[in-house]
């Protein structure tokens, strides 16, 4: 049965630094795509959402997290838009809690995530064997660049829930389907109605044991497996993460209308603050 996230106050675990916590959690944001469905003049993650871009707002959420040991952003090799946080004030206070590292994006999401994980491992190996082993025993948390709607508190609550359950295959955020779900054929004709009681809409973040995800990603890439997110990487290998109830405001900006909806969410959040 999918788990609801535990009810906690946003500041319930702010007194402890992520450096004092175990196990480690590494954040990975694949941002090498072009977002063709947005029909924009630049990759959608670089569209202005507020006074900052979509990607900057997403990074700000992760930088303010108390739980991440590092943040790795997969960027296309020839990307002219990405600016490291030293040159862009993501959080108007100018305070950054989590260091950001740029890694090279690939031709697919799976390759971009794998490259980031490989970079983390090789960097650890260069330090010491014990550091390398510590990374293998850590967790990897992957989040879409175009999902800026989460708060840092909601992110940290999800991380704590997954760590507390300690499921061997990790967990993902998702929402139960509310509408009637139709299976449609190639001619846009309804074939059948699916039982929505067992249909959940996958979101991110998706969080798995580091070594498990790294190993299975390598296998999927070698076999050219048709995987679309980290959960499907595990499913392809007969491993099954848990589901944790996500948030309606954690939607992915995919089409032009989504951008305005996210702006409305940010305006509403500002009023509440």
C-alpha atoms as a PDB file:
ATOM      1  CA  UNK A   1       0.000   0.000   0.000  1.00  0.00           C
ATOM      2  CA  UNK A   2       1.461   3.426  -0.901  1.00  0.00           C
ATOM      3  CA  UNK A   3       2.656   5.457   2.054  1.00  0.00           C
ATOM      4  CA  UNK A   4       1.576   8.973   2.959  1.00  0.00           C
ATOM      5  CA  UNK A   5       4.457  11.235   3.866  1.00  0.00           C
ATOM      6  CA  UNK A   6       4.797  11.720   7.630  1.00  0.00           C
ATOM      7  CA  UNK A   7       3.289  14.870   9.048  1.00  0.00           C
ATOM      8  CA  UNK A   8       6.115  17.052  10.312  1.00  0.00           C
ATOM      9  CA  UNK A   9       6.598  20.733  10.804  1.00  0.00           C
ATOM     10  CA  UNK A  10       8.856  22.306   8.172  1.00  0.00           C
ATOM     11  CA  UNK A  11      11.502  23.036  10.800  1.00  0.00           C
ATOM     12  CA  UNK A  12      11.302  19.722  12.648  1.00  0.00           C
ATOM     13  CA  UNK A  13      14.770  18.594  11.576  1.00  0.00           C
ATOM     14  CA  UNK A  14      16.614  21.812  10.788  1.00  0.00           C
ATOM     15  CA  UNK A  15      18.823  21.728  13.866  1.00  0.00           C
ATOM     16  CA  UNK A  16      21.009  18.932  12.482  1.00  0.00           C
ATOM     17  CA  UNK A  17      23.309  19.437   9.504  1.00  0.00           C
ATOM     18  CA  UNK A  18      23.258  16.910   6.670  1.00  0.00           C
ATOM     19  CA  UNK A  19      26.994  16.420   7.263  1.00  0.00           C
ATOM     20  CA  UNK A  20      26.189  14.904  10.668  1.00  0.00           C
ATOM     21  CA  UNK A  21      23.635  12.480   9.260  1.00  0.00           C
ATOM     22  CA  UNK A  22      23.966   8.975   7.923  1.00  0.00           C
ATOM     23  CA  UNK A  23      23.511   7.599   5.346  1.00  0.00           C
ATOM     24  CA  UNK A  24      24.406  10.195   2.762  1.00  0.00           C
ATOM     25  CA  UNK A  25      21.951  11.288   0.070  1.00  0.00           C
ATOM     26  CA  UNK A  26      23.189  12.671  -3.249  1.00  0.00           C
ATOM     27  CA  UNK A  27      20.816  14.820  -5.293  1.00  0.00           C
ATOM     28  CA  UNK A  28      20.870  14.471  -9.087  1.00  0.00           C
ATOM     29  CA  UNK A  29      18.950  16.713 -11.480  1.00  0.00           C
ATOM     30  CA  UNK A  30      19.024  15.681 -15.149  1.00  0.00           C
ATOM     31  CA  UNK A  31      18.746  18.904 -17.161  1.00  0.00           C
ATOM     32  CA  UNK A  32      20.140  18.005 -20.569  1.00  0.00           C
ATOM     33  CA  UNK A  33      16.826  17.797 -22.451  1.00  0.00           C
ATOM     34  CA  UNK A  34      15.345  20.356 -24.819  1.00  0.00           C
ATOM     35  CA  UNK A  35      11.647  20.147 -23.834  1.00  0.00           C
ATOM     36  CA  UNK A  36      10.350  20.203 -27.413  1.00  0.00           C
ATOM     37  CA  UNK A  37       6.689  20.151 -26.348  1.00  0.00           C
ATOM     38  CA  UNK A  38       7.066  23.634 -24.842  1.00  0.00           C
ATOM     39  CA  UNK A  39       7.759  24.994 -28.338  1.00  0.00           C
ATOM     40  CA  UNK A  40      10.140  27.546 -26.810  1.00  0.00           C
ATOM     41  CA  UNK A  41      13.218  29.259 -28.212  1.00  0.00           C
ATOM     42  CA  UNK A  42      15.445  27.658 -25.569  1.00  0.00           C
ATOM     43  CA  UNK A  43      15.350  24.471 -23.487  1.00  0.00           C
ATOM     44  CA  UNK A  44      12.359  24.774 -21.165  1.00  0.00           C
ATOM     45  CA  UNK A  45      14.416  24.609 -17.972  1.00  0.00           C
ATOM     46  CA  UNK A  46      15.814  28.038 -18.883  1.00  0.00           C
ATOM     47  CA  UNK A  47      12.464  29.754 -19.319  1.00  0.00           C
ATOM     48  CA  UNK A  48      11.767  32.463 -16.749  1.00  0.00           C
ATOM     49  CA  UNK A  49       9.387  31.286 -14.034  1.00  0.00           C
ATOM     50  CA  UNK A  50       9.665  34.136 -11.548  1.00  0.00           C
ATOM     51  CA  UNK A  51      12.692  36.403 -11.489  1.00  0.00           C
ATOM     52  CA  UNK A  52      14.616  33.163 -11.942  1.00  0.00           C
ATOM     53  CA  UNK A  53      14.469  30.345 -14.461  1.00  0.00           C
ATOM     54  CA  UNK A  54      12.668  27.044 -13.905  1.00  0.00           C
ATOM     55  CA  UNK A  55      15.990  25.293 -13.292  1.00  0.00           C
ATOM     56  CA  UNK A  56      17.197  27.956 -10.866  1.00  0.00           C
ATOM     57  CA  UNK A  57      14.009  27.630  -8.815  1.00  0.00           C
ATOM     58  CA  UNK A  58      14.392  23.839  -8.736  1.00  0.00           C
ATOM     59  CA  UNK A  59      18.028  24.121  -7.671  1.00  0.00           C
ATOM     60  CA  UNK A  60      17.083  26.605  -4.941  1.00  0.00           C
ATOM     61  CA  UNK A  61      14.750  24.012  -3.379  1.00  0.00           C
ATOM     62  CA  UNK A  62      17.544  21.457  -3.282  1.00  0.00           C
ATOM     63  CA  UNK A  63      20.178  23.897  -2.075  1.00  0.00           C
ATOM     64  CA  UNK A  64      18.042  24.788   0.933  1.00  0.00           C
ATOM     65  CA  UNK A  65      17.553  21.127   1.859  1.00  0.00           C
ATOM     66  CA  UNK A  66      19.083  20.007   5.145  1.00  0.00           C
ATOM     67  CA  UNK A  67      19.578  16.458   3.949  1.00  0.00           C
ATOM     68  CA  UNK A  68      21.742  16.418   0.805  1.00  0.00           C
ATOM     69  CA  UNK A  69      25.465  15.683   0.776  1.00  0.00           C
ATOM     70  CA  UNK A  70      25.841  17.152  -2.705  1.00  0.00           C
ATOM     71  CA  UNK A  71      23.859  18.252  -5.753  1.00  0.00           C
ATOM     72  CA  UNK A  72      24.787  17.201  -9.292  1.00  0.00           C
ATOM     73  CA  UNK A  73      23.196  18.751 -12.379  1.00  0.00           C
ATOM     74  CA  UNK A  74      23.445  16.926 -15.697  1.00  0.00           C
ATOM     75  CA  UNK A  75      23.870  19.566 -18.418  1.00  0.00           C
ATOM     76  CA  UNK A  76      24.279  19.065 -22.172  1.00  0.00           C
ATOM     77  CA  UNK A  77      27.910  19.424 -23.242  1.00  0.00           C
ATOM     78  CA  UNK A  78      27.326  22.441 -25.482  1.00  0.00           C
ATOM     79  CA  UNK A  79      24.714  24.092 -23.247  1.00  0.00           C
ATOM     80  CA  UNK A  80      25.308  27.883 -23.328  1.00  0.00           C
ATOM     81  CA  UNK A  81      22.646  28.757 -20.737  1.00  0.00           C
ATOM     82  CA  UNK A  82      23.667  27.062 -17.485  1.00  0.00           C
ATOM     83  CA  UNK A  83      25.227  29.296 -14.844  1.00  0.00           C
ATOM     84  CA  UNK A  84      26.836  27.896 -11.708  1.00  0.00           C
ATOM     85  CA  UNK A  85      25.419  29.270  -8.429  1.00  0.00           C
ATOM     86  CA  UNK A  86      28.499  31.377  -7.752  1.00  0.00           C
ATOM     87  CA  UNK A  87      27.319  33.530 -10.646  1.00  0.00           C
ATOM     88  CA  UNK A  88      23.552  33.354 -10.071  1.00  0.00           C
ATOM     89  CA  UNK A  89      21.738  34.273  -6.860  1.00  0.00           C
ATOM     90  CA  UNK A  90      19.228  31.427  -6.689  1.00  0.00           C
ATOM     91  CA  UNK A  91      18.199  32.166  -3.147  1.00  0.00           C
ATOM     92  CA  UNK A  92      17.876  35.905  -2.635  1.00  0.00           C
ATOM     93  CA  UNK A  93      19.609  35.562   0.742  1.00  0.00           C
ATOM     94  CA  UNK A  94      22.760  34.464  -1.078  1.00  0.00           C
ATOM     95  CA  UNK A  95      23.105  31.490   1.284  1.00  0.00           C
ATOM     96  CA  UNK A  96      23.818  28.036  -0.143  1.00  0.00           C
ATOM     97  CA  UNK A  97      23.710  24.905   1.980  1.00  0.00           C
ATOM     98  CA  UNK A  98      24.471  22.323  -0.695  1.00  0.00           C
ATOM     99  CA  UNK A  99      27.309  22.551  -3.218  1.00  0.00           C
ATOM    100  CA  UNK A 100      26.331  22.240  -6.892  1.00  0.00           C
ATOM    101  CA  UNK A 101      28.431  20.318  -9.413  1.00  0.00           C
ATOM    102  CA  UNK A 102      27.935  20.277 -13.170  1.00  0.00           C
ATOM    103  CA  UNK A 103      28.144  16.877 -14.863  1.00  0.00           C
ATOM    104  CA  UNK A 104      27.883  16.007 -18.537  1.00  0.00           C
ATOM    105  CA  UNK A 105      24.460  15.139 -19.879  1.00  0.00           C
ATOM    106  CA  UNK A 106      23.840  12.236 -22.218  1.00  0.00           C
ATOM    107  CA  UNK A 107      21.526  11.434 -25.093  1.00  0.00           C
ATOM    108  CA  UNK A 108      18.884  10.093 -22.693  1.00  0.00           C
ATOM    109  CA  UNK A 109      17.745  10.714 -19.140  1.00  0.00           C
ATOM    110  CA  UNK A 110      19.210   7.346 -18.115  1.00  0.00           C
ATOM    111  CA  UNK A 111      22.606   8.258 -19.548  1.00  0.00           C
ATOM    112  CA  UNK A 112      22.554  11.691 -17.902  1.00  0.00           C
ATOM    113  CA  UNK A 113      21.781  10.206 -14.479  1.00  0.00           C
ATOM    114  CA  UNK A 114      24.387   7.475 -14.950  1.00  0.00           C
ATOM    115  CA  UNK A 115      27.031  10.056 -15.894  1.00  0.00           C
ATOM    116  CA  UNK A 116      26.327  12.016 -12.713  1.00  0.00           C
ATOM    117  CA  UNK A 117      26.546   8.900 -10.557  1.00  0.00           C
ATOM    118  CA  UNK A 118      29.741   7.830 -12.314  1.00  0.00           C
ATOM    119  CA  UNK A 119      31.223  11.274 -11.655  1.00  0.00           C
ATOM    120  CA  UNK A 120      30.353  11.003  -7.957  1.00  0.00           C
ATOM    121  CA  UNK A 121      31.947   7.559  -7.701  1.00  0.00           C
ATOM    122  CA  UNK A 122      35.115   8.491  -9.581  1.00  0.00           C
ATOM    123  CA  UNK A 123      35.522  11.632  -7.478  1.00  0.00           C
ATOM    124  CA  UNK A 124      35.201   9.534  -4.318  1.00  0.00           C
ATOM    125  CA  UNK A 125      37.663   6.948  -5.651  1.00  0.00           C
ATOM    126  CA  UNK A 126      40.210   9.705  -6.189  1.00  0.00           C
ATOM    127  CA  UNK A 127      39.948  10.597  -2.496  1.00  0.00           C
ATOM    128  CA  UNK A 128      40.211   7.155  -0.913  1.00  0.00           C
ATOM    129  CA  UNK A 129      38.878   3.624  -1.029  1.00  0.00           C
ATOM    130  CA  UNK A 130      36.860   4.247   2.126  1.00  0.00           C
ATOM    131  CA  UNK A 131      35.225   7.298   0.535  1.00  0.00           C
ATOM    132  CA  UNK A 132      34.361   5.202  -2.521  1.00  0.00           C
ATOM    133  CA  UNK A 133      32.760   2.553  -0.307  1.00  0.00           C
ATOM    134  CA  UNK A 134      30.823   5.229   1.579  1.00  0.00           C
ATOM    135  CA  UNK A 135      29.310   6.490  -1.682  1.00  0.00           C
ATOM    136  CA  UNK A 136      28.322   2.965  -2.710  1.00  0.00           C
ATOM    137  CA  UNK A 137      26.433   2.657   0.584  1.00  0.00           C
ATOM    138  CA  UNK A 138      24.681   6.007   0.143  1.00  0.00           C
ATOM    139  CA  UNK A 139      21.419   6.928  -1.606  1.00  0.00           C
ATOM    140  CA  UNK A 140      20.770   8.654  -4.927  1.00  0.00           C
ATOM    141  CA  UNK A 141      17.811  11.010  -5.264  1.00  0.00           C
ATOM    142  CA  UNK A 142      16.802  12.067  -8.786  1.00  0.00           C
ATOM    143  CA  UNK A 143      14.443  14.945  -9.534  1.00  0.00           C
ATOM    144  CA  UNK A 144      13.148  16.484 -12.760  1.00  0.00           C
ATOM    145  CA  UNK A 145      14.570  19.913 -13.574  1.00  0.00           C
ATOM    146  CA  UNK A 146      11.071  21.010 -14.627  1.00  0.00           C
ATOM    147  CA  UNK A 147       9.415  20.256 -11.260  1.00  0.00           C
ATOM    148  CA  UNK A 148      10.164  23.389  -9.200  1.00  0.00           C
ATOM    149  CA  UNK A 149       6.962  23.296  -7.141  1.00  0.00           C
ATOM    150  CA  UNK A 150       8.179  21.370  -4.090  1.00  0.00           C
ATOM    151  CA  UNK A 151       9.305  23.164  -0.956  1.00  0.00           C
ATOM    152  CA  UNK A 152      12.565  22.223   0.756  1.00  0.00           C
ATOM    153  CA  UNK A 153      10.563  20.981   3.746  1.00  0.00           C
ATOM    154  CA  UNK A 154       8.516  18.657   1.517  1.00  0.00           C
ATOM    155  CA  UNK A 155      11.714  17.369  -0.075  1.00  0.00           C
ATOM    156  CA  UNK A 156      13.307  16.693   3.310  1.00  0.00           C
ATOM    157  CA  UNK A 157      10.161  14.961   4.583  1.00  0.00           C
ATOM    158  CA  UNK A 158      10.238  12.606   1.605  1.00  0.00           C
ATOM    159  CA  UNK A 159      13.913  11.819   2.159  1.00  0.00           C
ATOM    160  CA  UNK A 160      13.346  11.073   5.836  1.00  0.00           C
ATOM    161  CA  UNK A 161      10.348   8.853   5.015  1.00  0.00           C
ATOM    162  CA  UNK A 162      12.350   6.768   2.533  1.00  0.00           C
ATOM    163  CA  UNK A 163      15.303   6.467   4.904  1.00  0.00           C
ATOM    164  CA  UNK A 164      13.046   5.503   7.798  1.00  0.00           C
ATOM    165  CA  UNK A 165      11.359   2.743   5.791  1.00  0.00           C
ATOM    166  CA  UNK A 166      14.742   1.633   4.417  1.00  0.00           C
ATOM    167  CA  UNK A 167      13.059  -0.340   1.633  1.00  0.00           C
ATOM    168  CA  UNK A 168      15.745  -2.201  -0.366  1.00  0.00           C
ATOM    169  CA  UNK A 169      14.404  -0.736  -3.632  1.00  0.00           C
ATOM    170  CA  UNK A 170      13.825   2.818  -2.393  1.00  0.00           C
ATOM    171  CA  UNK A 171      10.745   4.888  -3.186  1.00  0.00           C
ATOM    172  CA  UNK A 172       9.195   7.537  -5.410  1.00  0.00           C
ATOM    173  CA  UNK A 173       6.657  10.326  -5.086  1.00  0.00           C
ATOM    174  CA  UNK A 174       3.421   9.683  -6.968  1.00  0.00           C
ATOM    175  CA  UNK A 175      -0.241  10.669  -6.984  1.00  0.00           C
ATOM    176  CA  UNK A 176      -3.225   8.305  -7.203  1.00  0.00           C
ATOM    177  CA  UNK A 177      -5.225   8.680 -10.417  1.00  0.00           C
ATOM    178  CA  UNK A 178      -8.446  10.624  -9.836  1.00  0.00           C
ATOM    179  CA  UNK A 179      -9.946  10.629 -13.318  1.00  0.00           C
ATOM    180  CA  UNK A 180     -11.346   7.641 -15.171  1.00  0.00           C
ATOM    181  CA  UNK A 181      -8.454   6.094 -17.110  1.00  0.00           C
ATOM    182  CA  UNK A 182      -9.015   4.903 -20.671  1.00  0.00           C
ATOM    183  CA  UNK A 183      -6.713   2.706 -22.713  1.00  0.00           C
ATOM    184  CA  UNK A 184      -6.698   4.137 -26.248  1.00  0.00           C
ATOM    185  CA  UNK A 185      -5.668   2.379 -29.449  1.00  0.00           C
ATOM    186  CA  UNK A 186      -3.631   3.669 -32.373  1.00  0.00           C
ATOM    187  CA  UNK A 187      -6.714   5.176 -34.045  1.00  0.00           C
ATOM    188  CA  UNK A 188      -7.623   7.176 -30.902  1.00  0.00           C
ATOM    189  CA  UNK A 189     -10.446   4.750 -30.155  1.00  0.00           C
ATOM    190  CA  UNK A 190     -11.092   3.660 -26.569  1.00  0.00           C
ATOM    191  CA  UNK A 191     -10.190   0.021 -26.016  1.00  0.00           C
ATOM    192  CA  UNK A 192     -11.031  -0.355 -22.331  1.00  0.00           C
ATOM    193  CA  UNK A 193     -11.349   1.384 -18.972  1.00  0.00           C
ATOM    194  CA  UNK A 194      -8.543   0.647 -16.537  1.00  0.00           C
ATOM    195  CA  UNK A 195      -9.058   0.131 -12.818  1.00  0.00           C
ATOM    196  CA  UNK A 196      -7.797   3.404 -11.370  1.00  0.00           C
ATOM    197  CA  UNK A 197      -7.570   1.880  -7.882  1.00  0.00           C
ATOM    198  CA  UNK A 198      -4.187   0.545  -8.956  1.00  0.00           C
ATOM    199  CA  UNK A 199      -3.052   3.474 -11.120  1.00  0.00           C
ATOM    200  CA  UNK A 200      -0.638   6.031  -9.719  1.00  0.00           C
ATOM    201  CA  UNK A 201       0.970   8.891 -11.634  1.00  0.00           C
ATOM    202  CA  UNK A 202       4.720   8.871 -11.086  1.00  0.00           C
ATOM    203  CA  UNK A 203       6.456  12.056  -9.994  1.00  0.00           C
ATOM    204  CA  UNK A 204       9.936  12.821  -8.786  1.00  0.00           C
ATOM    205  CA  UNK A 205      11.937  12.797  -6.579  1.00  0.00           C
ATOM    206  CA  UNK A 206      12.793   9.122  -6.948  1.00  0.00           C
ATOM    207  CA  UNK A 207      15.264   7.788  -4.401  1.00  0.00           C
ATOM    208  CA  UNK A 208      17.125   4.478  -4.475  1.00  0.00           C
ATOM    209  CA  UNK A 209      20.218   2.913  -2.883  1.00  0.00           C
ATOM    210  CA  UNK A 210      23.169   4.329  -4.825  1.00  0.00           C
ATOM    211  CA  UNK A 211      24.912   1.085  -5.733  1.00  0.00           C
ATOM    212  CA  UNK A 212      21.654  -0.577  -6.803  1.00  0.00           C
ATOM    213  CA  UNK A 213      20.606   2.235  -9.137  1.00  0.00           C
ATOM    214  CA  UNK A 214      24.115   2.648 -10.561  1.00  0.00           C
ATOM    215  CA  UNK A 215      24.460  -1.055 -11.337  1.00  0.00           C
ATOM    216  CA  UNK A 216      21.007  -1.393 -12.898  1.00  0.00           C
ATOM    217  CA  UNK A 217      21.377   1.810 -14.926  1.00  0.00           C
ATOM    218  CA  UNK A 218      24.576   0.421 -16.428  1.00  0.00           C
ATOM    219  CA  UNK A 219      22.741  -2.785 -17.320  1.00  0.00           C
ATOM    220  CA  UNK A 220      19.808  -0.921 -18.891  1.00  0.00           C
ATOM    221  CA  UNK A 221      22.109   1.269 -20.973  1.00  0.00           C
ATOM    222  CA  UNK A 222      24.039  -1.762 -22.185  1.00  0.00           C
ATOM    223  CA  UNK A 223      20.801  -3.514 -23.179  1.00  0.00           C
ATOM    224  CA  UNK A 224      19.185  -0.346 -24.582  1.00  0.00           C
ATOM    225  CA  UNK A 225      16.214  -0.937 -22.272  1.00  0.00           C
ATOM    226  CA  UNK A 226      13.124   1.292 -22.786  1.00  0.00           C
ATOM    227  CA  UNK A 227      13.274   3.029 -19.393  1.00  0.00           C
ATOM    228  CA  UNK A 228      11.819   6.487 -18.781  1.00  0.00           C
ATOM    229  CA  UNK A 229      12.589   7.100 -15.110  1.00  0.00           C
ATOM    230  CA  UNK A 230      14.578   5.556 -12.273  1.00  0.00           C
ATOM    231  CA  UNK A 231      11.658   3.431 -11.061  1.00  0.00           C
ATOM    232  CA  UNK A 232      11.359   1.862 -14.513  1.00  0.00           C
ATOM    233  CA  UNK A 233      15.076   1.039 -14.372  1.00  0.00           C
ATOM    234  CA  UNK A 234      14.372  -1.046 -11.282  1.00  0.00           C
ATOM    235  CA  UNK A 235      11.147  -2.499 -12.691  1.00  0.00           C
ATOM    236  CA  UNK A 236      13.023  -3.673 -15.796  1.00  0.00           C
ATOM    237  CA  UNK A 237      15.230  -5.652 -13.425  1.00  0.00           C
ATOM    238  CA  UNK A 238      12.380  -7.056 -11.305  1.00  0.00           C
ATOM    239  CA  UNK A 239      12.933  -4.626  -8.444  1.00  0.00           C
ATOM    240  CA  UNK A 240      10.015  -2.579  -7.157  1.00  0.00           C
ATOM    241  CA  UNK A 241      10.267   0.715  -5.218  1.00  0.00           C
ATOM    242  CA  UNK A 242       7.602   1.896  -2.798  1.00  0.00           C
ATOM    243  CA  UNK A 243       5.209   4.733  -3.559  1.00  0.00           C
ATOM    244  CA  UNK A 244       4.826   7.799  -1.342  1.00  0.00           C
ATOM    245  CA  UNK A 245       1.972  10.218  -1.872  1.00  0.00           C
ATOM    246  CA  UNK A 246       3.212  13.344  -3.597  1.00  0.00           C
ATOM    247  CA  UNK A 247       1.702  16.785  -4.133  1.00  0.00           C
ATOM    248  CA  UNK A 248      -0.516  18.271  -6.830  1.00  0.00           C
ATOM    249  CA  UNK A 249       1.780  21.304  -7.034  1.00  0.00           C
ATOM    250  CA  UNK A 250       4.700  18.991  -7.837  1.00  0.00           C
ATOM    251  CA  UNK A 251       3.670  18.748 -11.479  1.00  0.00           C
ATOM    252  CA  UNK A 252       6.122  18.758 -14.359  1.00  0.00           C
ATOM    253  CA  UNK A 253       6.176  21.798 -16.623  1.00  0.00           C
ATOM    254  CA  UNK A 254       5.661  20.197 -20.032  1.00  0.00           C
ATOM    255  CA  UNK A 255       3.321  22.390 -22.085  1.00  0.00           C
ATOM    256  CA  UNK A 256       3.074  26.205 -22.343  1.00  0.00           C
ATOM    257  CA  UNK A 257       0.009  26.331 -20.075  1.00  0.00           C
ATOM    258  CA  UNK A 258       1.900  24.549 -17.288  1.00  0.00           C
ATOM    259  CA  UNK A 259       4.257  27.491 -16.928  1.00  0.00           C
ATOM    260  CA  UNK A 260       1.449  29.871 -16.003  1.00  0.00           C
ATOM    261  CA  UNK A 261      -0.021  27.342 -13.557  1.00  0.00           C
ATOM    262  CA  UNK A 262       3.337  27.073 -11.800  1.00  0.00           C
ATOM    263  CA  UNK A 263       3.613  30.855 -11.637  1.00  0.00           C
ATOM    264  CA  UNK A 264       0.224  30.948  -9.911  1.00  0.00           C
ATOM    265  CA  UNK A 265       1.470  28.354  -7.412  1.00  0.00           C
ATOM    266  CA  UNK A 266       4.536  30.460  -6.629  1.00  0.00           C
ATOM    267  CA  UNK A 267       2.420  33.600  -6.188  1.00  0.00           C
ATOM    268  CA  UNK A 268       0.097  31.750  -3.811  1.00  0.00           C
ATOM    269  CA  UNK A 269       3.035  30.435  -1.817  1.00  0.00           C
ATOM    270  CA  UNK A 270       4.495  33.927  -1.517  1.00  0.00           C
ATOM    271  CA  UNK A 271       1.200  35.216  -0.096  1.00  0.00           C
ATOM    272  CA  UNK A 272       1.166  32.431   2.491  1.00  0.00           C
ATOM    273  CA  UNK A 273       4.707  33.263   3.549  1.00  0.00           C
END
